[in-house]
Amino acid sequence: MPSRMKCKTMVGPGKKYKSMEDCMSYGGKKMGKTQKAGTSSKSEQDMVGTAVGKSQNVRMKNRLKKQSMSTGY
């Protein structure tokens, strides 16, 4: 979590955070899900890797789709 002094510089219109509360809570509630009971850390890491791969594939497909529409073929 950022310090109070650092948050003061990052809060405001056009800055990274809208409120001081958002800045101070960064890292706490935005970290991600906790590990489920009965799963190994390896399987949790595999799930994260799969999710990252899927999101990269979606972004690539969207980029290619936009690219093909702009060329006019």
C-alpha atoms as a PDB file:
ATOM      1  CA  MET A   1       0.000   0.000   0.000  1.00  0.00           C
ATOM      2  CA  PRO A   2       1.272   3.480  -0.782  1.00  0.00           C
ATOM      3  CA  SER A   3       2.064   5.804   2.078  1.00  0.00           C
ATOM      4  CA  ARG A   4      -0.242   8.675   3.010  1.00  0.00           C
ATOM      5  CA  MET A   5       2.223  11.238   1.602  1.00  0.00           C
ATOM      6  CA  LYS A   6       2.509   9.389  -1.691  1.00  0.00           C
ATOM      7  CA  CYS A   7      -1.286   9.074  -1.938  1.00  0.00           C
ATOM      8  CA  LYS A   8      -1.673  12.829  -1.577  1.00  0.00           C
ATOM      9  CA  THR A   9       0.246  13.277  -4.823  1.00  0.00           C
ATOM     10  CA  MET A  10      -1.721  10.580  -6.683  1.00  0.00           C
ATOM     11  CA  VAL A  11      -5.280  11.673  -5.752  1.00  0.00           C
ATOM     12  CA  GLY A  12      -7.261  14.224  -7.702  1.00  0.00           C
ATOM     13  CA  PRO A  13      -8.834  14.951 -11.061  1.00  0.00           C
ATOM     14  CA  GLY A  14      -6.782  13.483 -13.880  1.00  0.00           C
ATOM     15  CA  LYS A  15      -4.615  11.502 -11.469  1.00  0.00           C
ATOM     16  CA  LYS A  16      -4.381   7.769 -10.825  1.00  0.00           C
ATOM     17  CA  TYR A  17      -6.917   7.620  -7.947  1.00  0.00           C
ATOM     18  CA  LYS A  18     -10.215   9.442  -7.465  1.00  0.00           C
ATOM     19  CA  SER A  19     -10.189   9.364  -3.671  1.00  0.00           C
ATOM     20  CA  MET A  20      -7.723   8.995  -0.834  1.00  0.00           C
ATOM     21  CA  GLU A  21      -9.550   5.841   0.268  1.00  0.00           C
ATOM     22  CA  ASP A  22      -8.956   4.167  -3.119  1.00  0.00           C
ATOM     23  CA  CYS A  23      -5.263   4.944  -2.915  1.00  0.00           C
ATOM     24  CA  MET A  24      -4.814   3.775   0.660  1.00  0.00           C
ATOM     25  CA  SER A  25      -6.699   0.523   0.065  1.00  0.00           C
ATOM     26  CA  TYR A  26      -4.695  -0.351  -3.064  1.00  0.00           C
ATOM     27  CA  GLY A  27      -3.197  -3.791  -2.627  1.00  0.00           C
ATOM     28  CA  GLY A  28      -5.728  -4.895  -0.039  1.00  0.00           C
ATOM     29  CA  LYS A  29      -8.969  -5.457  -1.875  1.00  0.00           C
ATOM     30  CA  LYS A  30      -7.543  -5.368  -5.395  1.00  0.00           C
ATOM     31  CA  MET A  31      -4.981  -8.112  -4.893  1.00  0.00           C
ATOM     32  CA  GLY A  32      -7.035 -11.016  -6.127  1.00  0.00           C
ATOM     33  CA  LYS A  33      -8.757 -14.074  -4.837  1.00  0.00           C
ATOM     34  CA  THR A  34      -7.483 -16.182  -1.992  1.00  0.00           C
ATOM     35  CA  GLN A  35      -6.519 -19.772  -2.557  1.00  0.00           C
ATOM     36  CA  LYS A  36      -9.382 -22.228  -2.280  1.00  0.00           C
ATOM     37  CA  ALA A  37      -9.215 -25.045   0.232  1.00  0.00           C
ATOM     38  CA  GLY A  38      -8.116 -28.323  -1.274  1.00  0.00           C
ATOM     39  CA  THR A  39      -6.112 -26.854  -4.156  1.00  0.00           C
ATOM     40  CA  SER A  40      -2.367 -26.728  -4.467  1.00  0.00           C
ATOM     41  CA  SER A  41      -0.464 -23.540  -5.149  1.00  0.00           C
ATOM     42  CA  LYS A  42       0.718 -25.062  -8.420  1.00  0.00           C
ATOM     43  CA  SER A  43      -2.839 -25.542  -9.665  1.00  0.00           C
ATOM     44  CA  GLU A  44      -3.715 -21.987  -8.592  1.00  0.00           C
ATOM     45  CA  GLN A  45      -0.733 -20.681 -10.571  1.00  0.00           C
ATOM     46  CA  ASP A  46      -1.829 -22.727 -13.582  1.00  0.00           C
ATOM     47  CA  MET A  47      -5.297 -21.159 -13.403  1.00  0.00           C
ATOM     48  CA  VAL A  48      -3.786 -17.681 -13.314  1.00  0.00           C
ATOM     49  CA  GLY A  49      -1.559 -18.519 -16.278  1.00  0.00           C
ATOM     50  CA  THR A  50      -4.558 -19.816 -18.197  1.00  0.00           C
ATOM     51  CA  ALA A  51      -6.531 -16.644 -17.465  1.00  0.00           C
ATOM     52  CA  VAL A  52      -3.651 -14.462 -18.633  1.00  0.00           C
ATOM     53  CA  GLY A  53      -3.300 -16.493 -21.821  1.00  0.00           C
ATOM     54  CA  LYS A  54      -7.016 -16.249 -22.559  1.00  0.00           C
ATOM     55  CA  SER A  55      -7.050 -12.487 -22.096  1.00  0.00           C
ATOM     56  CA  GLN A  56      -4.038 -12.103 -24.389  1.00  0.00           C
ATOM     57  CA  ASN A  57      -5.781 -14.213 -27.042  1.00  0.00           C
ATOM     58  CA  VAL A  58      -8.917 -12.081 -26.843  1.00  0.00           C
ATOM     59  CA  ARG A  59      -6.904  -8.878 -27.183  1.00  0.00           C
ATOM     60  CA  MET A  60      -5.026 -10.295 -30.170  1.00  0.00           C
ATOM     61  CA  LYS A  61      -8.252 -11.389 -31.883  1.00  0.00           C
ATOM     62  CA  ASN A  62      -9.799  -7.972 -31.330  1.00  0.00           C
ATOM     63  CA  ARG A  63      -6.699  -6.262 -32.716  1.00  0.00           C
ATOM     64  CA  LEU A  64      -6.701  -8.488 -35.809  1.00  0.00           C
ATOM     65  CA  LYS A  65     -10.404  -7.907 -36.310  1.00  0.00           C
ATOM     66  CA  LYS A  66      -9.974  -4.150 -36.106  1.00  0.00           C
ATOM     67  CA  GLN A  67      -6.968  -4.352 -38.435  1.00  0.00           C
ATOM     68  CA  SER A  68      -8.864  -6.358 -41.062  1.00  0.00           C
ATOM     69  CA  MET A  69     -11.803  -3.954 -40.963  1.00  0.00           C
ATOM     70  CA  SER A  70      -9.567  -0.928 -41.456  1.00  0.00           C
ATOM     71  CA  THR A  71      -7.773  -2.331 -44.527  1.00  0.00           C
ATOM     72  CA  GLY A  72     -11.064  -2.705 -46.403  1.00  0.00           C
ATOM     73  CA  TYR A  73     -10.643  -6.258 -47.687  1.00  0.00           C
END
